[in-house]
């Protein structure tokens, strides 16, 4: 439950307070990720799964930093 709340909070930060749009985007991407993981998992070996998980982790961490730092940078430019 805590992870879902954090994901929703990050999406709300990226959508400037539009909670409905943020939650809808979160559910779409969660469904897409689950579908891809389910259908591709039978065709991949362990090393390929580990590489894909690591690359998704790196990309999502970078995206989180962009979402979090973008409003801070905009506020510092206004001051």
PDB file of N, CA and C in Angstrom:
ATOM      1  N   UNK A   1       0.818  -1.199   0.000  1.00  0.00           N
ATOM      2  CA  UNK A   1       0.000   0.000   0.000  1.00  0.00           C
ATOM      3  C   UNK A   1       0.860   1.260   0.000  1.00  0.00           C
ATOM      4  N   UNK A   2       1.963   1.242   0.729  1.00  0.00           N
ATOM      5  CA  UNK A   2       2.799   2.428   0.804  1.00  0.00           C
ATOM      6  C   UNK A   2       3.414   2.760  -0.548  1.00  0.00           C
ATOM      7  N   UNK A   3       3.807   1.740  -1.316  1.00  0.00           N
ATOM      8  CA  UNK A   3       4.417   1.980  -2.617  1.00  0.00           C
ATOM      9  C   UNK A   3       3.408   2.622  -3.552  1.00  0.00           C
ATOM     10  N   UNK A   4       2.175   2.156  -3.523  1.00  0.00           N
ATOM     11  CA  UNK A   4       1.144   2.721  -4.379  1.00  0.00           C
ATOM     12  C   UNK A   4       0.905   4.190  -4.045  1.00  0.00           C
ATOM     13  N   UNK A   5       0.936   4.536  -2.773  1.00  0.00           N
ATOM     14  CA  UNK A   5       0.760   5.939  -2.373  1.00  0.00           C
ATOM     15  C   UNK A   5       1.913   6.793  -2.870  1.00  0.00           C
ATOM     16  N   UNK A   6       3.132   6.256  -2.811  1.00  0.00           N
ATOM     17  CA  UNK A   6       4.290   7.006  -3.301  1.00  0.00           C
ATOM     18  C   UNK A   6       4.214   7.200  -4.803  1.00  0.00           C
ATOM     19  N   UNK A   7       3.811   6.160  -5.527  1.00  0.00           N
ATOM     20  CA  UNK A   7       3.674   6.297  -6.979  1.00  0.00           C
ATOM     21  C   UNK A   7       2.627   7.340  -7.336  1.00  0.00           C
ATOM     22  N   UNK A   8       1.517   7.313  -6.648  1.00  0.00           N
ATOM     23  CA  UNK A   8       0.464   8.292  -6.908  1.00  0.00           C
ATOM     24  C   UNK A   8       0.955   9.697  -6.611  1.00  0.00           C
ATOM     25  N   UNK A   9       1.705   9.868  -5.542  1.00  0.00           N
ATOM     26  CA  UNK A   9       2.230  11.184  -5.187  1.00  0.00           C
ATOM     27  C   UNK A   9       3.179  11.693  -6.254  1.00  0.00           C
ATOM     28  N   UNK A  10       4.036  10.838  -6.769  1.00  0.00           N
ATOM     29  CA  UNK A  10       4.967  11.253  -7.817  1.00  0.00           C
ATOM     30  C   UNK A  10       4.209  11.646  -9.074  1.00  0.00           C
ATOM     31  N   UNK A  11       3.187  10.892  -9.438  1.00  0.00           N
ATOM     32  CA  UNK A  11       2.409  11.243 -10.621  1.00  0.00           C
ATOM     33  C   UNK A  11       1.660  12.553 -10.415  1.00  0.00           C
ATOM     34  N   UNK A  12       1.180  12.816  -9.213  1.00  0.00           N
ATOM     35  CA  UNK A  12       0.490  14.074  -8.940  1.00  0.00           C
ATOM     36  C   UNK A  12       1.465  15.237  -9.057  1.00  0.00           C
ATOM     37  N   UNK A  13       2.696  15.058  -8.597  1.00  0.00           N
ATOM     38  CA  UNK A  13       3.706  16.099  -8.743  1.00  0.00           C
ATOM     39  C   UNK A  13       3.949  16.420 -10.208  1.00  0.00           C
ATOM     40  N   UNK A  14       3.956  15.403 -11.042  1.00  0.00           N
ATOM     41  CA  UNK A  14       4.190  15.604 -12.461  1.00  0.00           C
ATOM     42  C   UNK A  14       3.009  16.181 -13.214  1.00  0.00           C
ATOM     43  N   UNK A  15       1.813  16.103 -12.639  1.00  0.00           N
ATOM     44  CA  UNK A  15       0.613  16.603 -13.308  1.00  0.00           C
ATOM     45  C   UNK A  15       0.078  17.880 -12.673  1.00  0.00           C
ATOM     46  N   UNK A  16       0.867  18.548 -11.889  1.00  0.00           N
ATOM     47  CA  UNK A  16       0.503  19.836 -11.286  1.00  0.00           C
ATOM     48  C   UNK A  16      -0.818  19.799 -10.535  1.00  0.00           C
ATOM     49  N   UNK A  17      -1.003  18.783  -9.726  1.00  0.00           N
ATOM     50  CA  UNK A  17      -2.179  18.725  -8.868  1.00  0.00           C
ATOM     51  C   UNK A  17      -3.431  18.146  -9.490  1.00  0.00           C
ATOM     52  N   UNK A  18      -3.373  17.707 -10.729  1.00  0.00           N
ATOM     53  CA  UNK A  18      -4.544  17.079 -11.354  1.00  0.00           C
ATOM     54  C   UNK A  18      -4.578  15.617 -10.936  1.00  0.00           C
ATOM     55  N   UNK A  19      -5.248  15.344  -9.829  1.00  0.00           N
ATOM     56  CA  UNK A  19      -5.194  14.022  -9.227  1.00  0.00           C
ATOM     57  C   UNK A  19      -5.845  12.949 -10.089  1.00  0.00           C
ATOM     58  N   UNK A  20      -6.938  13.268 -10.742  1.00  0.00           N
ATOM     59  CA  UNK A  20      -7.629  12.273 -11.556  1.00  0.00           C
ATOM     60  C   UNK A  20      -6.766  11.847 -12.738  1.00  0.00           C
ATOM     61  N   UNK A  21      -6.153  12.815 -13.407  1.00  0.00           N
ATOM     62  CA  UNK A  21      -5.294  12.496 -14.549  1.00  0.00           C
ATOM     63  C   UNK A  21      -4.068  11.711 -14.100  1.00  0.00           C
ATOM     64  N   UNK A  22      -3.508  12.080 -12.971  1.00  0.00           N
ATOM     65  CA  UNK A  22      -2.333  11.375 -12.459  1.00  0.00           C
ATOM     66  C   UNK A  22      -2.665   9.933 -12.121  1.00  0.00           C
ATOM     67  N   UNK A  23      -3.792   9.713 -11.469  1.00  0.00           N
ATOM     68  CA  UNK A  23      -4.169   8.346 -11.091  1.00  0.00           C
ATOM     69  C   UNK A  23      -4.494   7.512 -12.319  1.00  0.00           C
ATOM     70  N   UNK A  24      -5.127   8.113 -13.319  1.00  0.00           N
ATOM     71  CA  UNK A  24      -5.437   7.387 -14.553  1.00  0.00           C
ATOM     72  C   UNK A  24      -4.155   6.977 -15.277  1.00  0.00           C
ATOM     73  N   UNK A  25      -3.187   7.888 -15.352  1.00  0.00           N
ATOM     74  CA  UNK A  25      -1.910   7.558 -15.980  1.00  0.00           C
ATOM     75  C   UNK A  25      -1.182   6.450 -15.225  1.00  0.00           C
ATOM     76  N   UNK A  26      -1.233   6.516 -13.906  1.00  0.00           N
ATOM     77  CA  UNK A  26      -0.595   5.480 -13.096  1.00  0.00           C
ATOM     78  C   UNK A  26      -1.202   4.113 -13.393  1.00  0.00           C
ATOM     79  N   UNK A  27      -2.505   4.026 -13.432  1.00  0.00           N
ATOM     80  CA  UNK A  27      -3.166   2.747 -13.684  1.00  0.00           C
ATOM     81  C   UNK A  27      -2.884   2.232 -15.094  1.00  0.00           C
ATOM     82  N   UNK A  28      -2.816   3.129 -16.075  1.00  0.00           N
ATOM     83  CA  UNK A  28      -2.512   2.709 -17.445  1.00  0.00           C
ATOM     84  C   UNK A  28      -1.125   2.104 -17.518  1.00  0.00           C
ATOM     85  N   UNK A  29      -0.138   2.781 -16.912  1.00  0.00           N
ATOM     86  CA  UNK A  29       1.235   2.278 -16.976  1.00  0.00           C
ATOM     87  C   UNK A  29       1.423   1.017 -16.147  1.00  0.00           C
ATOM     88  N   UNK A  30       0.720   0.905 -15.028  1.00  0.00           N
ATOM     89  CA  UNK A  30       0.789  -0.338 -14.249  1.00  0.00           C
ATOM     90  C   UNK A  30       0.221  -1.507 -15.046  1.00  0.00           C
ATOM     91  N   UNK A  31      -0.892  -1.287 -15.722  1.00  0.00           N
ATOM     92  CA  UNK A  31      -1.502  -2.347 -16.527  1.00  0.00           C
ATOM     93  C   UNK A  31      -0.608  -2.732 -17.697  1.00  0.00           C
ATOM     94  N   UNK A  32      -0.023  -1.753 -18.340  1.00  0.00           N
ATOM     95  CA  UNK A  32       0.864  -2.039 -19.467  1.00  0.00           C
ATOM     96  C   UNK A  32       2.092  -2.820 -19.006  1.00  0.00           C
ATOM     97  N   UNK A  33       2.665  -2.430 -17.880  1.00  0.00           N
ATOM     98  CA  UNK A  33       3.827  -3.142 -17.357  1.00  0.00           C
ATOM     99  C   UNK A  33       3.513  -4.573 -16.978  1.00  0.00           C
ATOM    100  N   UNK A  34       2.373  -4.784 -16.370  1.00  0.00           N
ATOM    101  CA  UNK A  34       1.965  -6.137 -16.000  1.00  0.00           C
ATOM    102  C   UNK A  34       1.734  -6.997 -17.238  1.00  0.00           C
ATOM    103  N   UNK A  35       1.104  -6.430 -18.242  1.00  0.00           N
ATOM    104  CA  UNK A  35       0.858  -7.179 -19.482  1.00  0.00           C
ATOM    105  C   UNK A  35       2.151  -7.570 -20.170  1.00  0.00           C
ATOM    106  N   UNK A  36       3.063  -6.629 -20.279  1.00  0.00           N
ATOM    107  CA  UNK A  36       4.333  -6.918 -20.938  1.00  0.00           C
ATOM    108  C   UNK A  36       5.113  -7.972 -20.152  1.00  0.00           C
ATOM    109  N   UNK A  37       5.154  -7.824 -18.840  1.00  0.00           N
ATOM    110  CA  UNK A  37       5.889  -8.791 -18.015  1.00  0.00           C
ATOM    111  C   UNK A  37       5.279 -10.185 -18.127  1.00  0.00           C
ATOM    112  N   UNK A  38       3.987 -10.273 -18.194  1.00  0.00           N
ATOM    113  CA  UNK A  38       3.321 -11.575 -18.281  1.00  0.00           C
ATOM    114  C   UNK A  38       3.587 -12.253 -19.621  1.00  0.00           C
ATOM    115  N   UNK A  39       3.440 -11.518 -20.719  1.00  0.00           N
ATOM    116  CA  UNK A  39       3.542 -12.137 -22.031  1.00  0.00           C
ATOM    117  C   UNK A  39       4.980 -12.371 -22.469  1.00  0.00           C
ATOM    118  N   UNK A  40       5.914 -11.571 -22.006  1.00  0.00           N
ATOM    119  CA  UNK A  40       7.301 -11.709 -22.437  1.00  0.00           C
ATOM    120  C   UNK A  40       8.077 -12.668 -21.547  1.00  0.00           C
ATOM    121  N   UNK A  41       7.622 -12.877 -20.322  1.00  0.00           N
ATOM    122  CA  UNK A  41       8.407 -13.651 -19.367  1.00  0.00           C
ATOM    123  C   UNK A  41       8.668 -15.083 -19.801  1.00  0.00           C
ATOM    124  N   UNK A  42       7.802 -15.651 -20.595  1.00  0.00           N
ATOM    125  CA  UNK A  42       8.023 -17.038 -21.026  1.00  0.00           C
ATOM    126  C   UNK A  42       9.092 -17.147 -22.111  1.00  0.00           C
ATOM    127  N   UNK A  43       9.434 -16.043 -22.759  1.00  0.00           N
ATOM    128  CA  UNK A  43      10.389 -16.067 -23.868  1.00  0.00           C
ATOM    129  C   UNK A  43      11.765 -15.537 -23.477  1.00  0.00           C
ATOM    130  N   UNK A  44      11.976 -15.175 -22.236  1.00  0.00           N
ATOM    131  CA  UNK A  44      13.241 -14.582 -21.812  1.00  0.00           C
ATOM    132  C   UNK A  44      13.940 -15.484 -20.792  1.00  0.00           C
ATOM    133  N   UNK A  45      15.261 -15.482 -20.840  1.00  0.00           N
ATOM    134  CA  UNK A  45      15.990 -16.215 -19.810  1.00  0.00           C
ATOM    135  C   UNK A  45      16.269 -15.285 -18.629  1.00  0.00           C
ATOM    136  N   UNK A  46      16.892 -15.796 -17.580  1.00  0.00           N
ATOM    137  CA  UNK A  46      17.082 -15.038 -16.346  1.00  0.00           C
ATOM    138  C   UNK A  46      17.955 -13.811 -16.553  1.00  0.00           C
ATOM    139  N   UNK A  47      19.011 -13.922 -17.320  1.00  0.00           N
ATOM    140  CA  UNK A  47      19.904 -12.784 -17.535  1.00  0.00           C
ATOM    141  C   UNK A  47      19.183 -11.644 -18.257  1.00  0.00           C
ATOM    142  N   UNK A  48      18.370 -11.971 -19.229  1.00  0.00           N
ATOM    143  CA  UNK A  48      17.627 -10.945 -19.956  1.00  0.00           C
ATOM    144  C   UNK A  48      16.599 -10.265 -19.049  1.00  0.00           C
ATOM    145  N   UNK A  49      15.957 -11.041 -18.179  1.00  0.00           N
ATOM    146  CA  UNK A  49      15.004 -10.458 -17.231  1.00  0.00           C
ATOM    147  C   UNK A  49      15.706  -9.524 -16.259  1.00  0.00           C
ATOM    148  N   UNK A  50      16.867  -9.937 -15.759  1.00  0.00           N
ATOM    149  CA  UNK A  50      17.613  -9.090 -14.836  1.00  0.00           C
ATOM    150  C   UNK A  50      18.071  -7.812 -15.509  1.00  0.00           C
ATOM    151  N   UNK A  51      18.553  -7.902 -16.743  1.00  0.00           N
ATOM    152  CA  UNK A  51      18.982  -6.711 -17.465  1.00  0.00           C
ATOM    153  C   UNK A  51      17.813  -5.767 -17.710  1.00  0.00           C
ATOM    154  N   UNK A  52      16.667  -6.302 -18.095  1.00  0.00           N
ATOM    155  CA  UNK A  52      15.512  -5.441 -18.350  1.00  0.00           C
ATOM    156  C   UNK A  52      15.026  -4.777 -17.063  1.00  0.00           C
ATOM    157  N   UNK A  53      15.023  -5.506 -15.949  1.00  0.00           N
ATOM    158  CA  UNK A  53      14.621  -4.905 -14.680  1.00  0.00           C
ATOM    159  C   UNK A  53      15.585  -3.810 -14.248  1.00  0.00           C
ATOM    160  N   UNK A  54      16.878  -4.045 -14.425  1.00  0.00           N
ATOM    161  CA  UNK A  54      17.870  -3.040 -14.060  1.00  0.00           C
ATOM    162  C   UNK A  54      17.741  -1.791 -14.932  1.00  0.00           C
ATOM    163  N   UNK A  55      17.519  -1.978 -16.220  1.00  0.00           N
ATOM    164  CA  UNK A  55      17.379  -0.819 -17.105  1.00  0.00           C
ATOM    165  C   UNK A  55      16.096  -0.047 -16.795  1.00  0.00           C
ATOM    166  N   UNK A  56      15.027  -0.728 -16.470  1.00  0.00           N
ATOM    167  CA  UNK A  56      13.790  -0.042 -16.092  1.00  0.00           C
ATOM    168  C   UNK A  56      13.987   0.719 -14.788  1.00  0.00           C
ATOM    169  N   UNK A  57      14.732   0.153 -13.859  1.00  0.00           N
ATOM    170  CA  UNK A  57      15.022   0.832 -12.599  1.00  0.00           C
ATOM    171  C   UNK A  57      15.815   2.109 -12.831  1.00  0.00           C
ATOM    172  N   UNK A  58      16.803   2.058 -13.698  1.00  0.00           N
ATOM    173  CA  UNK A  58      17.616   3.248 -13.982  1.00  0.00           C
ATOM    174  C   UNK A  58      16.773   4.327 -14.658  1.00  0.00           C
ATOM    175  N   UNK A  59      15.973   3.938 -15.632  1.00  0.00           N
ATOM    176  CA  UNK A  59      15.137   4.912 -16.338  1.00  0.00           C
ATOM    177  C   UNK A  59      14.097   5.527 -15.407  1.00  0.00           C
ATOM    178  N   UNK A  60      13.474   4.721 -14.559  1.00  0.00           N
ATOM    179  CA  UNK A  60      12.458   5.255 -13.656  1.00  0.00           C
ATOM    180  C   UNK A  60      13.068   6.155 -12.593  1.00  0.00           C
ATOM    181  N   UNK A  61      14.276   5.843 -12.122  1.00  0.00           N
ATOM    182  CA  UNK A  61      14.947   6.712 -11.167  1.00  0.00           C
ATOM    183  C   UNK A  61      15.294   8.050 -11.805  1.00  0.00           C
ATOM    184  N   UNK A  62      15.760   8.024 -13.036  1.00  0.00           N
ATOM    185  CA  UNK A  62      16.055   9.269 -13.743  1.00  0.00           C
ATOM    186  C   UNK A  62      14.783  10.082 -13.961  1.00  0.00           C
ATOM    187  N   UNK A  63      13.696   9.423 -14.307  1.00  0.00           N
ATOM    188  CA  UNK A  63      12.429  10.132 -14.501  1.00  0.00           C
ATOM    189  C   UNK A  63      11.929  10.744 -13.196  1.00  0.00           C
ATOM    190  N   UNK A  64      12.109  10.028 -12.096  1.00  0.00           N
ATOM    191  CA  UNK A  64      11.718  10.561 -10.798  1.00  0.00           C
ATOM    192  C   UNK A  64      12.511  11.807 -10.467  1.00  0.00           C
ATOM    193  N   UNK A  65      13.809  11.790 -10.719  1.00  0.00           N
ATOM    194  CA  UNK A  65      14.635  12.964 -10.449  1.00  0.00           C
ATOM    195  C   UNK A  65      14.204  14.152 -11.299  1.00  0.00           C
ATOM    196  N   UNK A  66      13.845  13.892 -12.543  1.00  0.00           N
ATOM    197  CA  UNK A  66      13.381  14.985 -13.413  1.00  0.00           C
ATOM    198  C   UNK A  66      12.083  15.571 -12.881  1.00  0.00           C
ATOM    199  N   UNK A  67      11.154  14.719 -12.467  1.00  0.00           N
ATOM    200  CA  UNK A  67       9.864  15.194 -11.967  1.00  0.00           C
ATOM    201  C   UNK A  67      10.032  15.970 -10.673  1.00  0.00           C
ATOM    202  N   UNK A  68      10.912  15.511  -9.807  1.00  0.00           N
ATOM    203  CA  UNK A  68      11.082  16.166  -8.511  1.00  0.00           C
ATOM    204  C   UNK A  68      11.889  17.449  -8.639  1.00  0.00           C
ATOM    205  N   UNK A  69      12.923  17.450  -9.454  1.00  0.00           N
ATOM    206  CA  UNK A  69      13.795  18.619  -9.546  1.00  0.00           C
ATOM    207  C   UNK A  69      13.270  19.710 -10.468  1.00  0.00           C
ATOM    208  N   UNK A  70      12.388  19.373 -11.373  1.00  0.00           N
ATOM    209  CA  UNK A  70      11.866  20.377 -12.310  1.00  0.00           C
ATOM    210  C   UNK A  70      11.138  21.517 -11.598  1.00  0.00           C
ATOM    211  N   UNK A  71      10.214  21.262 -10.659  1.00  0.00           N
ATOM    212  CA  UNK A  71       9.569  22.389  -9.960  1.00  0.00           C
ATOM    213  C   UNK A  71      10.547  23.181  -9.092  1.00  0.00           C
ATOM    214  N   UNK A  72      11.523  22.518  -8.485  1.00  0.00           N
ATOM    215  CA  UNK A  72      12.498  23.227  -7.671  1.00  0.00           C
ATOM    216  C   UNK A  72      13.344  24.158  -8.528  1.00  0.00           C
ATOM    217  N   UNK A  73      13.731  23.712  -9.713  1.00  0.00           N
ATOM    218  CA  UNK A  73      14.518  24.538 -10.596  1.00  0.00           C
ATOM    219  C   UNK A  73      13.709  25.731 -11.100  1.00  0.00           C
ATOM    220  N   UNK A  74      12.428  25.502 -11.394  1.00  0.00           N
ATOM    221  CA  UNK A  74      11.569  26.596 -11.866  1.00  0.00           C
ATOM    222  C   UNK A  74      11.384  27.645 -10.757  1.00  0.00           C
ATOM    223  N   UNK A  75      11.260  27.198  -9.520  1.00  0.00           N
ATOM    224  CA  UNK A  75      11.124  28.136  -8.418  1.00  0.00           C
ATOM    225  C   UNK A  75      12.402  28.906  -8.176  1.00  0.00           C
ATOM    226  N   UNK A  76      13.557  28.285  -8.354  1.00  0.00           N
ATOM    227  CA  UNK A  76      14.819  28.983  -8.135  1.00  0.00           C
ATOM    228  C   UNK A  76      15.082  29.995  -9.242  1.00  0.00           C
ATOM    229  N   UNK A  77      14.592  29.740 -10.452  1.00  0.00           N
ATOM    230  CA  UNK A  77      14.767  30.703 -11.545  1.00  0.00           C
ATOM    231  C   UNK A  77      13.888  31.940 -11.353  1.00  0.00           C
ATOM    232  N   UNK A  78      12.725  31.783 -10.699  1.00  0.00           N
ATOM    233  CA  UNK A  78      11.840  32.918 -10.473  1.00  0.00           C
ATOM    234  C   UNK A  78      12.384  33.858  -9.402  1.00  0.00           C
ATOM    235  N   UNK A  79      13.127  33.298  -8.455  1.00  0.00           N
ATOM    236  CA  UNK A  79      13.620  34.111  -7.337  1.00  0.00           C
ATOM    237  C   UNK A  79      14.781  34.978  -7.713  1.00  0.00           C
TER     238      UNK A  79
END
